[in-house]
Amino acid sequence: MDLDLTMKLLAVSIYAAILLIIGFFASKRVKSIRDFFASGKNLGFFNVAFSARATGERAWLLLGLTGMGYAVGVQAFWVVLG
């Protein structure tokens, strides 16, 4: 196995380990289904606003932009700058 592939696998493994550790500690704070879905209604305005905005942007970037790129071509990706 070459060094480049080894470094990539190491980076992905470290990233996955960090995500698992964060998930483990975050799961200790969830006591009920309400905590899971609504954060126990303890989120502030900015957290909710950014979460809603990120959800909308994700849908557009995942579905809309890729579809537009397929239909129009590479020149459609100037939209990303906007």
Protein backbone atom coordinates (compact mmCIF):
# COMPACT_ATOMS: atom_id res chain seq x y z
CA MET A 1 0.00 0.00 0.00
CA ASP A 2 1.42 3.37 -0.94
CA LEU A 3 1.84 6.28 1.45
CA ASP A 4 -0.86 8.43 -0.17
CA LEU A 5 -3.56 5.79 0.32
CA THR A 6 -2.39 5.15 3.87
CA MET A 7 -2.66 8.85 4.72
CA LYS A 8 -6.16 9.05 3.24
CA LEU A 9 -7.33 6.02 5.20
CA LEU A 10 -5.78 7.43 8.38
CA ALA A 11 -7.51 10.79 7.88
CA VAL A 12 -10.90 9.14 7.28
CA SER A 13 -10.41 6.88 10.31
CA ILE A 14 -9.54 9.81 12.57
CA TYR A 15 -12.54 11.77 11.27
CA ALA A 16 -14.87 8.80 11.88
CA ALA A 17 -13.47 8.34 15.39
CA ILE A 18 -14.06 12.01 16.22
CA LEU A 19 -17.66 11.77 14.97
CA LEU A 20 -18.25 8.65 17.06
CA ILE A 21 -16.86 10.33 20.17
CA ILE A 22 -19.05 13.41 19.64
CA GLY A 23 -22.07 11.17 19.09
CA PHE A 24 -21.35 9.18 22.23
CA PHE A 25 -21.13 12.24 24.46
CA ALA A 26 -24.13 13.91 22.79
CA SER A 27 -26.24 10.78 23.31
CA LYS A 28 -25.71 11.09 27.07
CA ARG A 29 -27.64 14.39 27.03
CA VAL A 30 -30.73 12.92 25.31
CA LYS A 31 -33.22 11.71 27.90
CA SER A 32 -36.44 11.47 25.87
CA ILE A 33 -37.79 11.55 22.33
CA ARG A 34 -38.62 15.24 22.84
CA ASP A 35 -34.94 15.93 23.56
CA PHE A 36 -33.99 14.14 20.36
CA PHE A 37 -36.37 15.94 18.02
CA ALA A 38 -36.79 19.34 19.66
CA SER A 39 -33.72 19.59 21.89
CA GLY A 40 -36.02 19.79 24.87
CA LYS A 41 -37.14 23.19 23.53
CA ASN A 42 -33.93 24.71 24.84
CA LEU A 43 -32.51 26.01 21.57
CA GLY A 44 -32.07 29.71 21.10
CA PHE A 45 -33.27 31.81 18.20
CA PHE A 46 -29.99 31.77 16.27
CA ASN A 47 -29.59 27.98 16.55
CA VAL A 48 -33.06 27.42 15.14
CA ALA A 49 -32.60 30.04 12.42
CA PHE A 50 -29.28 28.63 11.24
CA SER A 51 -30.62 25.08 11.36
CA ALA A 52 -33.63 25.99 9.22
CA ARG A 53 -31.44 27.89 6.77
CA ALA A 54 -28.93 25.04 6.51
CA THR A 55 -31.73 22.56 5.82
CA GLY A 56 -33.01 24.63 2.90
CA GLU A 57 -29.55 25.21 1.48
CA ARG A 58 -28.70 21.52 1.71
CA ALA A 59 -31.76 20.57 -0.31
CA TRP A 60 -30.92 23.12 -2.98
CA LEU A 61 -27.24 22.18 -3.19
CA LEU A 62 -27.87 18.43 -3.18
CA LEU A 63 -30.76 18.30 -5.62
CA GLY A 64 -31.23 21.61 -7.37
CA LEU A 65 -27.67 22.57 -8.18
CA THR A 66 -26.59 19.13 -9.33
CA GLY A 67 -29.68 18.86 -11.53
CA MET A 68 -29.04 22.31 -12.95
CA GLY A 69 -25.43 21.37 -13.62
CA TYR A 70 -26.56 18.27 -15.44
CA ALA A 71 -29.13 20.12 -17.51
CA VAL A 72 -27.13 23.26 -18.36
CA GLY A 73 -23.52 22.18 -17.98
CA VAL A 74 -20.52 23.52 -16.10
CA GLN A 75 -21.48 27.15 -16.74
CA ALA A 76 -24.44 26.67 -14.34
CA PHE A 77 -22.13 26.40 -11.35
CA TRP A 78 -21.55 30.17 -11.23
CA VAL A 79 -24.66 30.09 -9.02
CA VAL A 80 -22.48 28.76 -6.20
CA LEU A 81 -20.76 32.14 -5.96
CA GLY A 82 -24.10 33.82 -5.40
